C-alpha atoms as a PDB file:
ATOM      1  CA  MET A   1     134.778  22.480 126.263  1.00  0.00           C
ATOM      2  CA  ARG A   2     138.188  20.809 127.391  1.00  0.00           C
ATOM      3  CA  ILE A   3     140.694  23.836 128.114  1.00  0.00           C
ATOM      4  CA  LEU A   4     144.563  24.102 128.688  1.00  0.00           C
ATOM      5  CA  ILE A   5     146.102  27.326 130.145  1.00  0.00           C
ATOM      6  CA  THR A   6     149.606  28.238 129.764  1.00  0.00           C
ATOM      7  CA  GLY A   7     151.403  30.463 131.967  1.00  0.00           C
ATOM      8  CA  GLY A   8     148.946  29.800 134.341  1.00  0.00           C
ATOM      9  CA  ASN A   9     150.976  31.377 137.512  1.00  0.00           C
ATOM     10  CA  GLY A  10     150.866  34.819 135.384  1.00  0.00           C
ATOM     11  CA  GLN A  11     148.554  37.302 135.468  1.00  0.00           C
ATOM     12  CA  LEU A  12     146.136  36.759 133.046  1.00  0.00           C
ATOM     13  CA  GLY A  13     146.280  33.039 133.399  1.00  0.00           C
ATOM     14  CA  THR A  14     145.413  33.282 136.818  1.00  0.00           C
ATOM     15  CA  ALA A  15     142.161  34.980 135.861  1.00  0.00           C
ATOM     16  CA  LEU A  16     141.127  33.142 133.131  1.00  0.00           C
ATOM     17  CA  PRO A  17     139.546  30.054 134.963  1.00  0.00           C
ATOM     18  CA  ALA A  18     137.226  32.646 137.037  1.00  0.00           C
ATOM     19  CA  VAL A  19     135.224  33.153 134.078  1.00  0.00           C
ATOM     20  CA  LEU A  20     135.620  29.913 132.353  1.00  0.00           C
ATOM     21  CA  THR A  21     133.684  27.932 134.961  1.00  0.00           C
ATOM     22  CA  GLU A  22     131.630  26.638 132.360  1.00  0.00           C
ATOM     23  CA  HIS A  23     134.575  25.029 130.878  1.00  0.00           C
ATOM     24  CA  GLU A  24     136.986  22.053 132.044  1.00  0.00           C
ATOM     25  CA  VAL A  25     139.748  24.047 132.721  1.00  0.00           C
ATOM     26  CA  THR A  26     143.710  22.918 133.503  1.00  0.00           C
ATOM     27  CA  ALA A  27     146.399  25.576 134.134  1.00  0.00           C
ATOM     28  CA  VAL A  28     149.892  24.544 133.596  1.00  0.00           C
ATOM     29  CA  GLY A  29     152.545  27.268 134.885  1.00  0.00           C
ATOM     30  CA  LYS A  30     156.279  27.348 133.551  1.00  0.00           C
ATOM     31  CA  ASN A  31     157.760  25.176 136.505  1.00  0.00           C
ATOM     32  CA  GLN A  32     155.335  22.734 135.199  1.00  0.00           C
ATOM     33  CA  LEU A  33     155.605  23.029 131.464  1.00  0.00           C
ATOM     34  CA  ASP A  34     158.881  24.238 130.137  1.00  0.00           C
ATOM     35  CA  ILE A  35     157.348  25.587 126.354  1.00  0.00           C
ATOM     36  CA  THR A  36     160.744  25.659 124.881  1.00  0.00           C
ATOM     37  CA  ASP A  37     160.919  21.909 125.309  1.00  0.00           C
ATOM     38  CA  LYS A  38     158.680  20.035 122.243  1.00  0.00           C
ATOM     39  CA  ALA A  39     158.353  16.795 123.745  1.00  0.00           C
ATOM     40  CA  ALA A  40     157.032  18.540 126.765  1.00  0.00           C
ATOM     41  CA  VAL A  41     154.772  20.444 125.264  1.00  0.00           C
ATOM     42  CA  PHE A  42     153.570  17.638 123.007  1.00  0.00           C
ATOM     43  CA  MET A  43     153.156  15.165 126.257  1.00  0.00           C
ATOM     44  CA  ALA A  44     150.973  17.961 127.749  1.00  0.00           C
ATOM     45  CA  VAL A  45     148.796  18.363 125.113  1.00  0.00           C
ATOM     46  CA  SER A  46     148.322  14.702 124.201  1.00  0.00           C
ATOM     47  CA  THR A  47     147.803  14.206 127.917  1.00  0.00           C
ATOM     48  CA  THR A  48     145.227  16.885 128.251  1.00  0.00           C
ATOM     49  CA  ARG A  49     143.306  16.594 124.971  1.00  0.00           C
ATOM     50  CA  PRO A  50     142.070  20.522 125.020  1.00  0.00           C
ATOM     51  CA  ASP A  51     139.435  21.537 122.642  1.00  0.00           C
ATOM     52  CA  LEU A  52     140.843  24.492 122.927  1.00  0.00           C
ATOM     53  CA  LEU A  53     144.412  25.943 124.011  1.00  0.00           C
ATOM     54  CA  ILE A  54     145.305  29.581 125.561  1.00  0.00           C
ATOM     55  CA  HIS A  55     148.814  30.411 125.423  1.00  0.00           C
ATOM     56  CA  CYS A  56     149.636  32.770 127.843  1.00  0.00           C
ATOM     57  CA  ALA A  57     153.361  31.835 128.791  1.00  0.00           C
ATOM     58  CA  ALA A  58     155.640  34.300 127.643  1.00  0.00           C
ATOM     59  CA  TYR A  59     159.522  35.744 128.241  1.00  0.00           C
ATOM     60  CA  THR A  60     157.440  39.668 129.407  1.00  0.00           C
ATOM     61  CA  ASN A  61     160.325  41.273 130.334  1.00  0.00           C
ATOM     62  CA  VAL A  62     161.289  43.626 128.236  1.00  0.00           C
ATOM     63  CA  ASP A  63     164.259  45.124 128.817  1.00  0.00           C
ATOM     64  CA  GLY A  64     165.998  41.509 129.599  1.00  0.00           C
ATOM     65  CA  CYS A  65     164.642  40.893 126.011  1.00  0.00           C
ATOM     66  CA  ALA A  66     166.365  43.475 125.098  1.00  0.00           C
ATOM     67  CA  ARG A  67     169.689  42.326 126.693  1.00  0.00           C
ATOM     68  CA  GLU A  68     168.928  38.461 126.219  1.00  0.00           C
ATOM     69  CA  PRO A  69     167.037  38.245 122.509  1.00  0.00           C
ATOM     70  CA  GLU A  70     168.201  34.865 121.687  1.00  0.00           C
ATOM     71  CA  LEU A  71     166.310  34.012 125.295  1.00  0.00           C
ATOM     72  CA  ALA A  72     163.482  36.121 123.999  1.00  0.00           C
ATOM     73  CA  TYR A  73     163.111  34.667 120.875  1.00  0.00           C
ATOM     74  CA  ARG A  74     163.281  30.659 121.880  1.00  0.00           C
ATOM     75  CA  VAL A  75     160.730  31.194 124.632  1.00  0.00           C
ATOM     76  CA  ASN A  76     158.692  33.189 122.979  1.00  0.00           C
ATOM     77  CA  GLY A  77     159.286  32.448 119.068  1.00  0.00           C
ATOM     78  CA  LEU A  78     160.273  28.510 119.694  1.00  0.00           C
ATOM     79  CA  GLY A  79     158.305  27.930 122.304  1.00  0.00           C
ATOM     80  CA  THR A  80     154.803  29.535 120.423  1.00  0.00           C
ATOM     81  CA  GLN A  81     155.903  27.255 117.765  1.00  0.00           C
ATOM     82  CA  ASN A  82     156.264  24.976 119.501  1.00  0.00           C
ATOM     83  CA  ILE A  83     152.626  25.261 121.504  1.00  0.00           C
ATOM     84  CA  ALA A  84     151.218  25.508 117.364  1.00  0.00           C
ATOM     85  CA  LEU A  85     152.444  22.673 116.346  1.00  0.00           C
ATOM     86  CA  ALA A  86     151.322  20.840 119.385  1.00  0.00           C
ATOM     87  CA  CYS A  87     147.541  22.236 118.359  1.00  0.00           C
ATOM     88  CA  GLN A  88     147.780  21.443 115.197  1.00  0.00           C
ATOM     89  CA  GLN A  89     148.748  17.704 115.847  1.00  0.00           C
ATOM     90  CA  PHE A  90     146.281  17.150 118.200  1.00  0.00           C
ATOM     91  CA  GLY A  91     143.124  19.231 116.515  1.00  0.00           C
ATOM     92  CA  ALA A  92     142.984  21.880 119.177  1.00  0.00           C
ATOM     93  CA  GLU A  93     142.073  25.219 118.551  1.00  0.00           C
ATOM     94  CA  MET A  94     144.479  28.115 119.990  1.00  0.00           C
ATOM     95  CA  VAL A  95     144.184  31.478 121.411  1.00  0.00           C
ATOM     96  CA  HIS A  96     147.895  33.382 121.387  1.00  0.00           C
ATOM     97  CA  ILE A  97     148.383  36.056 124.011  1.00  0.00           C
ATOM     98  CA  SER A  98     149.995  38.793 122.301  1.00  0.00           C
ATOM     99  CA  THR A  99     151.421  42.343 122.150  1.00  0.00           C
ATOM    100  CA  ASN A 100     151.389  46.129 120.872  1.00  0.00           C
ATOM    101  CA  GLU A 101     154.785  46.083 120.674  1.00  0.00           C
ATOM    102  CA  VAL A 102     154.957  43.695 117.605  1.00  0.00           C
ATOM    103  CA  PHE A 103     154.372  47.723 116.125  1.00  0.00           C
ATOM    104  CA  SER A 104     157.276  50.505 115.715  1.00  0.00           C
ATOM    105  CA  GLY A 105     154.973  52.953 117.336  1.00  0.00           C
ATOM    106  CA  GLN A 106     155.387  55.328 114.621  1.00  0.00           C
ATOM    107  CA  GLU A 107     151.753  55.951 113.505  1.00  0.00           C
ATOM    108  CA  PRO A 108     150.185  58.765 115.957  1.00  0.00           C
ATOM    109  CA  GLY A 109     146.602  57.588 115.030  1.00  0.00           C
ATOM    110  CA  GLY A 110     147.169  54.513 116.773  1.00  0.00           C
ATOM    111  CA  TYR A 111     146.778  50.206 115.327  1.00  0.00           C
ATOM    112  CA  GLU A 112     143.974  48.322 113.694  1.00  0.00           C
ATOM    113  CA  GLU A 113     144.407  44.905 113.862  1.00  0.00           C
ATOM    114  CA  TRP A 114     145.451  44.863 110.183  1.00  0.00           C
ATOM    115  CA  MET A 115     148.692  47.075 109.940  1.00  0.00           C
ATOM    116  CA  ALA A 116     151.792  45.581 109.334  1.00  0.00           C
ATOM    117  CA  ARG A 117     153.726  44.489 112.064  1.00  0.00           C
ATOM    118  CA  ASN A 118     157.240  46.288 112.589  1.00  0.00           C
ATOM    119  CA  PRO A 119     158.714  45.510 116.012  1.00  0.00           C
ATOM    120  CA  VAL A 120     161.447  47.787 117.054  1.00  0.00           C
ATOM    121  CA  ASN A 121     162.914  45.677 120.838  1.00  0.00           C
ATOM    122  CA  GLY A 122     163.636  42.465 121.333  1.00  0.00           C
ATOM    123  CA  TYR A 123     160.532  41.676 123.184  1.00  0.00           C
ATOM    124  CA  GLY A 124     158.232  42.872 119.991  1.00  0.00           C
ATOM    125  CA  ARG A 125     160.870  40.561 117.510  1.00  0.00           C
ATOM    126  CA  SER A 126     160.306  38.025 119.594  1.00  0.00           C
ATOM    127  CA  LYS A 127     156.053  38.037 119.829  1.00  0.00           C
ATOM    128  CA  ALA A 128     156.097  38.517 116.294  1.00  0.00           C
ATOM    129  CA  ALA A 129     157.689  35.787 115.552  1.00  0.00           C
ATOM    130  CA  ALA A 130     155.637  33.913 117.369  1.00  0.00           C
ATOM    131  CA  GLU A 131     152.626  35.584 115.609  1.00  0.00           C
ATOM    132  CA  SER A 132     153.952  34.189 112.185  1.00  0.00           C
ATOM    133  CA  HIS A 133     154.596  30.938 113.635  1.00  0.00           C
ATOM    134  CA  VAL A 134     151.043  30.703 114.586  1.00  0.00           C
ATOM    135  CA  GLN A 135     149.699  32.044 111.212  1.00  0.00           C
ATOM    136  CA  ASN A 136     151.783  29.853 109.367  1.00  0.00           C
ATOM    137  CA  ILE A 137     151.301  26.791 111.127  1.00  0.00           C
ATOM    138  CA  LEU A 138     147.088  26.542 111.710  1.00  0.00           C
ATOM    139  CA  ASN A 139     143.489  27.878 110.629  1.00  0.00           C
ATOM    140  CA  ARG A 140     142.052  27.516 113.636  1.00  0.00           C
ATOM    141  CA  THR A 141     143.264  30.632 115.854  1.00  0.00           C
ATOM    142  CA  TYR A 142     142.923  33.879 117.403  1.00  0.00           C
ATOM    143  CA  ILE A 143     145.478  36.214 118.069  1.00  0.00           C
ATOM    144  CA  VAL A 144     144.631  38.762 121.101  1.00  0.00           C
ATOM    145  CA  ARG A 145     146.732  41.773 121.167  1.00  0.00           C
ATOM    146  CA  THR A 146     146.745  43.163 124.600  1.00  0.00           C
ATOM    147  CA  ALA A 147     148.546  46.580 126.458  1.00  0.00           C
ATOM    148  CA  TRP A 148     149.590  47.880 129.625  1.00  0.00           C
ATOM    149  CA  LEU A 149     148.430  45.081 131.086  1.00  0.00           C
ATOM    150  CA  TYR A 150     147.487  45.291 135.166  1.00  0.00           C
ATOM    151  CA  ALA A 151     146.485  42.825 138.058  1.00  0.00           C
ATOM    152  CA  PRO A 152     146.116  42.147 141.775  1.00  0.00           C
ATOM    153  CA  GLY A 153     148.965  41.196 143.465  1.00  0.00           C
ATOM    154  CA  GLY A 154     152.475  41.104 142.116  1.00  0.00           C
ATOM    155  CA  ARG A 155     154.389  43.761 140.278  1.00  0.00           C
ATOM    156  CA  ASN A 156     152.750  46.613 137.664  1.00  0.00           C
ATOM    157  CA  PHE A 157     153.383  50.007 136.724  1.00  0.00           C
ATOM    158  CA  ILE A 158     150.334  50.711 139.188  1.00  0.00           C
ATOM    159  CA  HIS A 159     152.310  49.436 142.163  1.00  0.00           C
ATOM    160  CA  ALA A 160     155.481  50.824 140.926  1.00  0.00           C
ATOM    161  CA  ILE A 161     153.659  54.569 141.137  1.00  0.00           C
ATOM    162  CA  LEU A 162     151.874  54.471 144.193  1.00  0.00           C
ATOM    163  CA  ASN A 163     155.070  52.736 145.956  1.00  0.00           C
ATOM    164  CA  ARG A 164     157.467  55.456 144.541  1.00  0.00           C
ATOM    165  CA  ALA A 165     154.598  58.387 145.461  1.00  0.00           C
ATOM    166  CA  ARG A 166     154.425  56.885 148.799  1.00  0.00           C
ATOM    167  CA  ASP A 167     158.450  56.570 149.649  1.00  0.00           C
ATOM    168  CA  THR A 168     158.988  60.073 147.957  1.00  0.00           C
ATOM    169  CA  GLY A 169     156.690  62.264 147.422  1.00  0.00           C
ATOM    170  CA  GLN A 170     157.277  62.264 144.088  1.00  0.00           C
ATOM    171  CA  VAL A 171     157.642  60.874 140.507  1.00  0.00           C
ATOM    172  CA  ARG A 172     158.678  61.505 137.297  1.00  0.00           C
ATOM    173  CA  VAL A 173     156.803  59.778 134.108  1.00  0.00           C
ATOM    174  CA  VAL A 174     157.318  59.929 130.403  1.00  0.00           C
ATOM    175  CA  THR A 175     155.004  61.418 128.701  1.00  0.00           C
ATOM    176  CA  ASP A 176     155.839  60.733 125.020  1.00  0.00           C
ATOM    177  CA  GLU A 177     154.918  56.806 125.742  1.00  0.00           C
ATOM    178  CA  ILE A 178     151.083  56.582 124.477  1.00  0.00           C
ATOM    179  CA  GLY A 179     149.149  52.858 125.261  1.00  0.00           C
ATOM    180  CA  ASN A 180     146.046  51.450 126.776  1.00  0.00           C
ATOM    181  CA  PRO A 181     145.741  50.494 130.106  1.00  0.00           C
ATOM    182  CA  THR A 182     144.359  47.100 130.402  1.00  0.00           C
ATOM    183  CA  TYR A 183     142.990  45.158 133.439  1.00  0.00           C
ATOM    184  CA  VAL A 184     143.252  41.659 133.225  1.00  0.00           C
ATOM    185  CA  HIS A 185     139.802  40.738 134.373  1.00  0.00           C
ATOM    186  CA  ASP A 186     138.270  42.749 131.371  1.00  0.00           C
ATOM    187  CA  LEU A 187     140.268  40.743 128.962  1.00  0.00           C
ATOM    188  CA  ALA A 188     140.091  37.641 130.601  1.00  0.00           C
ATOM    189  CA  ALA A 189     136.268  38.247 129.797  1.00  0.00           C
ATOM    190  CA  ALA A 190     136.705  39.690 126.582  1.00  0.00           C
ATOM    191  CA  ILE A 191     138.557  36.118 125.765  1.00  0.00           C
ATOM    192  CA  ALA A 192     135.516  34.048 127.177  1.00  0.00           C
ATOM    193  CA  GLN A 193     133.099  35.921 124.721  1.00  0.00           C
ATOM    194  CA  LEU A 194     135.464  35.356 121.876  1.00  0.00           C
ATOM    195  CA  ILE A 195     136.337  31.604 121.994  1.00  0.00           C
ATOM    196  CA  GLU A 196     132.341  31.416 121.763  1.00  0.00           C
ATOM    197  CA  THR A 197     132.067  32.874 118.108  1.00  0.00           C
ATOM    198  CA  HIS A 198     135.036  30.366 116.431  1.00  0.00           C
ATOM    199  CA  GLN A 199     135.468  34.038 114.505  1.00  0.00           C
ATOM    200  CA  TYR A 200     139.385  33.147 113.900  1.00  0.00           C
ATOM    201  CA  GLY A 201     141.694  36.051 113.237  1.00  0.00           C
ATOM    202  CA  ILE A 202     143.325  39.164 114.950  1.00  0.00           C
ATOM    203  CA  TYR A 203     141.926  40.880 118.089  1.00  0.00           C
ATOM    204  CA  HIS A 204     143.075  44.496 119.655  1.00  0.00           C
ATOM    205  CA  PHE A 205     141.769  43.787 123.505  1.00  0.00           C
ATOM    206  CA  VAL A 206     142.251  46.725 125.370  1.00  0.00           C
ATOM    207  CA  ASN A 207     140.574  49.024 127.587  1.00  0.00           C
ATOM    208  CA  SER A 208     138.908  51.930 125.593  1.00  0.00           C
ATOM    209  CA  GLY A 209     141.016  55.006 125.216  1.00  0.00           C
ATOM    210  CA  ALA A 210     144.622  55.860 125.469  1.00  0.00           C
ATOM    211  CA  CYS A 211     146.280  57.949 127.442  1.00  0.00           C
ATOM    212  CA  SER A 212     150.502  58.865 128.293  1.00  0.00           C
ATOM    213  CA  ARG A 213     152.066  57.402 130.755  1.00  0.00           C
ATOM    214  CA  TRP A 214     151.955  60.540 132.786  1.00  0.00           C
ATOM    215  CA  GLN A 215     148.410  60.196 132.474  1.00  0.00           C
ATOM    216  CA  PHE A 216     148.170  57.194 133.676  1.00  0.00           C
ATOM    217  CA  ALA A 217     150.032  58.367 136.548  1.00  0.00           C
ATOM    218  CA  ASN A 218     148.010  61.368 136.940  1.00  0.00           C
ATOM    219  CA  GLU A 219     144.888  58.845 137.272  1.00  0.00           C
ATOM    220  CA  ILE A 220     146.636  56.344 139.655  1.00  0.00           C
ATOM    221  CA  LEU A 221     147.843  59.598 142.203  1.00  0.00           C
ATOM    222  CA  ARG A 222     144.208  60.683 141.892  1.00  0.00           C
ATOM    223  CA  LEU A 223     142.197  58.056 142.794  1.00  0.00           C
ATOM    224  CA  ALA A 224     144.711  56.780 145.383  1.00  0.00           C
ATOM    225  CA  GLY A 225     144.240  60.132 147.331  1.00  0.00           C
ATOM    226  CA  LEU A 226     147.965  61.043 146.434  1.00  0.00           C
ATOM    227  CA  THR A 227     146.768  64.346 144.196  1.00  0.00           C
ATOM    228  CA  HIS A 228     149.768  65.995 146.254  1.00  0.00           C
ATOM    229  CA  VAL A 229     152.129  64.027 145.384  1.00  0.00           C
ATOM    230  CA  THR A 230     154.548  66.099 142.561  1.00  0.00           C
ATOM    231  CA  ASN A 231     154.370  63.908 138.944  1.00  0.00           C
ATOM    232  CA  THR A 232     156.952  65.595 136.954  1.00  0.00           C
ATOM    233  CA  PRO A 233     156.762  65.332 132.906  1.00  0.00           C
ATOM    234  CA  ILE A 234     160.033  64.050 131.315  1.00  0.00           C
ATOM    235  CA  LEU A 235     160.608  62.500 128.015  1.00  0.00           C
ATOM    236  CA  SER A 236     161.458  58.756 127.007  1.00  0.00           C
ATOM    237  CA  LYS A 237     165.014  60.093 126.822  1.00  0.00           C
ATOM    238  CA  GLU A 238     165.439  61.153 129.694  1.00  0.00           C
ATOM    239  CA  PHE A 239     164.387  57.913 131.084  1.00  0.00           C
ATOM    240  CA  VAL A 240     167.119  55.070 130.209  1.00  0.00           C
ATOM    241  CA  ARG A 241     166.499  51.277 129.709  1.00  0.00           C
ATOM    242  CA  GLN A 242     167.921  48.819 127.495  1.00  0.00           C
ATOM    243  CA  SER A 243     164.322  48.543 125.674  1.00  0.00           C
ATOM    244  CA  THR A 244     162.897  51.211 123.238  1.00  0.00           C
ATOM    245  CA  PRO A 245     158.598  50.961 123.635  1.00  0.00           C
ATOM    246  CA  PRO A 246     156.517  52.263 120.792  1.00  0.00           C
ATOM    247  CA  PRO A 247     155.925  55.706 121.457  1.00  0.00           C
ATOM    248  CA  PHE A 248     152.402  55.593 120.071  1.00  0.00           C
ATOM    249  CA  GLY A 249     151.481  51.939 120.751  1.00  0.00           C
ATOM    250  CA  ALA A 250     147.479  52.492 121.101  1.00  0.00           C
ATOM    251  CA  LEU A 251     146.066  49.582 119.787  1.00  0.00           C
ATOM    252  CA  HIS A 252     142.144  50.164 118.573  1.00  0.00           C
ATOM    253  CA  ASN A 253     139.322  47.335 118.544  1.00  0.00           C
ATOM    254  CA  VAL A 254     137.908  47.098 115.543  1.00  0.00           C
ATOM    255  CA  ALA A 255     137.315  43.072 115.154  1.00  0.00           C
ATOM    256  CA  GLY A 256     136.667  42.827 118.326  1.00  0.00           C
ATOM    257  CA  ALA A 257     133.736  45.397 118.656  1.00  0.00           C
ATOM    258  CA  ALA A 258     132.091  44.347 115.440  1.00  0.00           C
ATOM    259  CA  LEU A 259     131.303  41.054 117.309  1.00  0.00           C
ATOM    260  CA  GLY A 260     129.953  42.879 119.731  1.00  0.00           C
ATOM    261  CA  ILE A 261     132.857  42.374 122.058  1.00  0.00           C
ATOM    262  CA  THR A 262     134.306  45.663 123.758  1.00  0.00           C
ATOM    263  CA  LEU A 263     135.935  46.516 126.854  1.00  0.00           C
ATOM    264  CA  ARG A 264     134.499  49.663 129.133  1.00  0.00           C
ATOM    265  CA  PRO A 265     137.177  52.565 129.338  1.00  0.00           C
ATOM    266  CA  TRP A 266     140.556  52.707 131.079  1.00  0.00           C
ATOM    267  CA  PRO A 267     139.483  55.153 133.751  1.00  0.00           C
ATOM    268  CA  GLU A 268     136.661  53.439 134.884  1.00  0.00           C
ATOM    269  CA  ALA A 269     138.689  49.798 134.420  1.00  0.00           C
ATOM    270  CA  LEU A 270     141.494  51.286 136.690  1.00  0.00           C
ATOM    271  CA  ALA A 271     138.898  53.032 139.457  1.00  0.00           C
ATOM    272  CA  ASP A 272     137.261  49.627 139.771  1.00  0.00           C
ATOM    273  CA  TYR A 273     140.285  48.001 140.271  1.00  0.00           C
ATOM    274  CA  MET A 274     142.208  50.337 142.868  1.00  0.00           C
ATOM    275  CA  SER A 275     138.765  50.360 144.474  1.00  0.00           C
ATOM    276  CA  ARG A 276     139.541  46.752 145.159  1.00  0.00           C
ATOM    277  CA  ASP A 277     143.460  46.294 145.145  1.00  0.00           C
ATOM    278  CA  THR A 278     144.974  49.042 146.915  1.00  0.00           C
END
C-alpha cells in the first residue's frame, strides 16, 4: 500500500514509518507541504497517488490557538478540509489524527468514541471543525483521537517536569486536569493495526488508564529517581494560561478494543519510554 503522511517531522509523523515498513511510505513536513494551500495539497496527492493518507499535520500549540483562533482554524480546519477533498478526488483512504480536546471535559467518567463533541477552547474548536469536514467529505476514513502525547526528543510534559525538577528542586502541577498519557510508539503501532482492518470510524487510541497531571508528574519523578523533589498539587485556576483544557478529558478505547486493538497501561508505557530517553 502507498501511504502519504503529512506532518512528517512531528512526533507521530516521525514514529509511523518505523511501524509501516511493509508499505511504501512518503512523509512530508510542513516545510514541504503547506496544507492551507489547496493547490499544493492536490499536487502532492496527485503526484504520490497514495492508497492511504495519514494526516498528522496540525497547529498543536493550544495556547497559540487561544491567541490566534483564525490561524488555528486555517491550519486545523481548512487544512484538513483540503486534505479530505484531495483524498476524495484521488480515491485515497484517510486517517485523521484528532484530540481529546474536542470534548468539554465536563463528564467525570470520560468519553467514548460516539459521544458528542463540545470543545471549550480554540484548539478543540479547530480540531472539531476538522473532524466535521472529514466526516462530511469522506466515507472511507478513520478519525483517531489521542491525548497527552509524548515522544523521544523535542519538547513535552515529561521533559518540562524533569528540567524544572533538576533546576529548582520543586514543581507545581495541577490536580484537576485528567487525561491519558500516551507514548507515541504505542499510538503508531495501533494505527498500523487499524489500517489493515478497513473498519472505518472513530477511535480513541491512548495508553489505558487515566490520571491527573499531578499523578503523571509523580510517576515521572519516581522513575527518574527524583522522589526528593517537592511536587506541590495546585488547581488549574492557580496556573494561569491562555487556553482552558478540558478538566476531565480521559478517553476510553471501546471501538478499537472491539477489533482487538488495545494499548498498554500508561505507567508501563511511561517506564519503557523513560528507560530509553531520559
